[in-house]
Amino acid sequence: MQYRIEFAPLAQRQFKKLDRVIQHRLLQRIETLSSNPREENLYRIRIGEHRVVYQIRDWVLTVAVVKIGHRREIYS
């Protein structure tokens, strides 16, 4: 069962502000959520100094990326 990946408008703006190298690393990891969205039973993933916060919407098979940012900024 494959999930579709969606970016919330805020997450999309945050993603575009990041350096291209970081964007590439994040995107590779985000794409893995389509086949395994419940990695470690958490709704966030860590990629180096950055965090991706997401929601799982089982009823429509969607992973919605809600927030992307540096670890010191993401939880505020």
C-alpha atoms as a PDB file:
ATOM      1  CA  MET A   1       0.000   0.000   0.000  1.00  0.00           C
ATOM      2  CA  GLN A   2       1.623   3.248  -1.166  1.00  0.00           C
ATOM      3  CA  TYR A   3       0.861   6.573   0.483  1.00  0.00           C
ATOM      4  CA  ARG A   4       0.888   9.834  -1.424  1.00  0.00           C
ATOM      5  CA  ILE A   5       3.147  12.639  -0.141  1.00  0.00           C
ATOM      6  CA  GLU A   6       1.678  16.149   0.188  1.00  0.00           C
ATOM      7  CA  PHE A   7       3.312  19.343   1.423  1.00  0.00           C
ATOM      8  CA  ALA A   8       1.303  21.854   3.447  1.00  0.00           C
ATOM      9  CA  PRO A   9       1.806  25.417   2.160  1.00  0.00           C
ATOM     10  CA  LEU A  10       3.957  26.337   5.179  1.00  0.00           C
ATOM     11  CA  ALA A  11       6.140  23.246   4.746  1.00  0.00           C
ATOM     12  CA  GLN A  12       6.535  23.975   1.052  1.00  0.00           C
ATOM     13  CA  ARG A  13       7.753  27.529   1.775  1.00  0.00           C
ATOM     14  CA  GLN A  14      10.137  26.257   4.460  1.00  0.00           C
ATOM     15  CA  PHE A  15      11.487  23.615   2.065  1.00  0.00           C
ATOM     16  CA  LYS A  16      12.159  26.154  -0.696  1.00  0.00           C
ATOM     17  CA  LYS A  17      14.210  28.346   1.661  1.00  0.00           C
ATOM     18  CA  LEU A  18      16.703  25.551   2.341  1.00  0.00           C
ATOM     19  CA  ASP A  19      19.979  24.962   0.517  1.00  0.00           C
ATOM     20  CA  ARG A  20      19.689  22.646  -2.527  1.00  0.00           C
ATOM     21  CA  VAL A  21      21.909  19.978  -0.934  1.00  0.00           C
ATOM     22  CA  ILE A  22      19.726  19.880   2.171  1.00  0.00           C
ATOM     23  CA  GLN A  23      16.573  19.847   0.026  1.00  0.00           C
ATOM     24  CA  HIS A  24      17.883  16.797  -1.818  1.00  0.00           C
ATOM     25  CA  ARG A  25      18.670  14.933   1.434  1.00  0.00           C
ATOM     26  CA  LEU A  26      15.275  15.769   2.905  1.00  0.00           C
ATOM     27  CA  LEU A  27      13.382  14.808  -0.232  1.00  0.00           C
ATOM     28  CA  GLN A  28      15.063  11.405  -0.406  1.00  0.00           C
ATOM     29  CA  ARG A  29      14.007  10.674   3.168  1.00  0.00           C
ATOM     30  CA  ILE A  30      10.494  12.111   2.758  1.00  0.00           C
ATOM     31  CA  GLU A  31       9.890   9.898  -0.283  1.00  0.00           C
ATOM     32  CA  THR A  32      10.553   6.797   1.839  1.00  0.00           C
ATOM     33  CA  LEU A  33       7.493   7.726   3.903  1.00  0.00           C
ATOM     34  CA  SER A  34       5.229   6.684   1.031  1.00  0.00           C
ATOM     35  CA  SER A  35       5.956   3.029   1.739  1.00  0.00           C
ATOM     36  CA  ASN A  36       6.616   3.220   5.507  1.00  0.00           C
ATOM     37  CA  PRO A  37       5.006   6.307   7.100  1.00  0.00           C
ATOM     38  CA  ARG A  38       5.119   4.971  10.653  1.00  0.00           C
ATOM     39  CA  GLU A  39       8.884   4.837  10.951  1.00  0.00           C
ATOM     40  CA  GLU A  40       9.687   4.320  14.627  1.00  0.00           C
ATOM     41  CA  ASN A  41       6.019   5.052  15.447  1.00  0.00           C
ATOM     42  CA  LEU A  42       6.813   8.759  15.342  1.00  0.00           C
ATOM     43  CA  TYR A  43       5.377  11.538  13.275  1.00  0.00           C
ATOM     44  CA  ARG A  44       8.674  13.254  12.722  1.00  0.00           C
ATOM     45  CA  ILE A  45      11.910  12.243  11.100  1.00  0.00           C
ATOM     46  CA  ARG A  46      15.415  13.499  11.737  1.00  0.00           C
ATOM     47  CA  ILE A  47      17.789  14.234   8.892  1.00  0.00           C
ATOM     48  CA  GLY A  48      20.999  15.646  10.320  1.00  0.00           C
ATOM     49  CA  GLU A  49      20.213  19.004  11.933  1.00  0.00           C
ATOM     50  CA  HIS A  50      16.774  19.203  10.279  1.00  0.00           C
ATOM     51  CA  ARG A  51      13.376  17.814  11.227  1.00  0.00           C
ATOM     52  CA  VAL A  52      10.318  16.956   9.154  1.00  0.00           C
ATOM     53  CA  VAL A  53       6.983  16.891  10.992  1.00  0.00           C
ATOM     54  CA  TYR A  54       4.160  15.046   9.262  1.00  0.00           C
ATOM     55  CA  GLN A  55       0.652  13.669   9.662  1.00  0.00           C
ATOM     56  CA  ILE A  56      -0.615  10.328   8.412  1.00  0.00           C
ATOM     57  CA  ARG A  57      -4.069  10.321   6.861  1.00  0.00           C
ATOM     58  CA  ASP A  58      -4.928   6.632   6.532  1.00  0.00           C
ATOM     59  CA  TRP A  59      -8.408   7.235   5.154  1.00  0.00           C
ATOM     60  CA  VAL A  60      -6.940   8.778   1.989  1.00  0.00           C
ATOM     61  CA  LEU A  61      -3.511   7.079   2.052  1.00  0.00           C
ATOM     62  CA  THR A  62      -1.667  10.369   2.377  1.00  0.00           C
ATOM     63  CA  VAL A  63       1.367  11.551   4.303  1.00  0.00           C
ATOM     64  CA  ALA A  64       1.085  15.314   4.801  1.00  0.00           C
ATOM     65  CA  VAL A  65       4.375  17.099   5.476  1.00  0.00           C
ATOM     66  CA  VAL A  66       3.414  19.856   7.901  1.00  0.00           C
ATOM     67  CA  LYS A  67       6.675  21.522   8.911  1.00  0.00           C
ATOM     68  CA  ILE A  68      10.340  21.441   7.883  1.00  0.00           C
ATOM     69  CA  GLY A  69      13.177  23.211   9.606  1.00  0.00           C
ATOM     70  CA  HIS A  70      16.306  23.244  11.709  1.00  0.00           C
ATOM     71  CA  ARG A  71      15.986  21.336  14.973  1.00  0.00           C
ATOM     72  CA  ARG A  72      16.266  24.461  17.126  1.00  0.00           C
ATOM     73  CA  GLU A  73      13.367  26.149  15.269  1.00  0.00           C
ATOM     74  CA  ILE A  74      10.972  23.346  14.400  1.00  0.00           C
ATOM     75  CA  TYR A  75       9.291  22.812  17.765  1.00  0.00           C
ATOM     76  CA  SER A  76       8.550  26.428  18.592  1.00  0.00           C
END
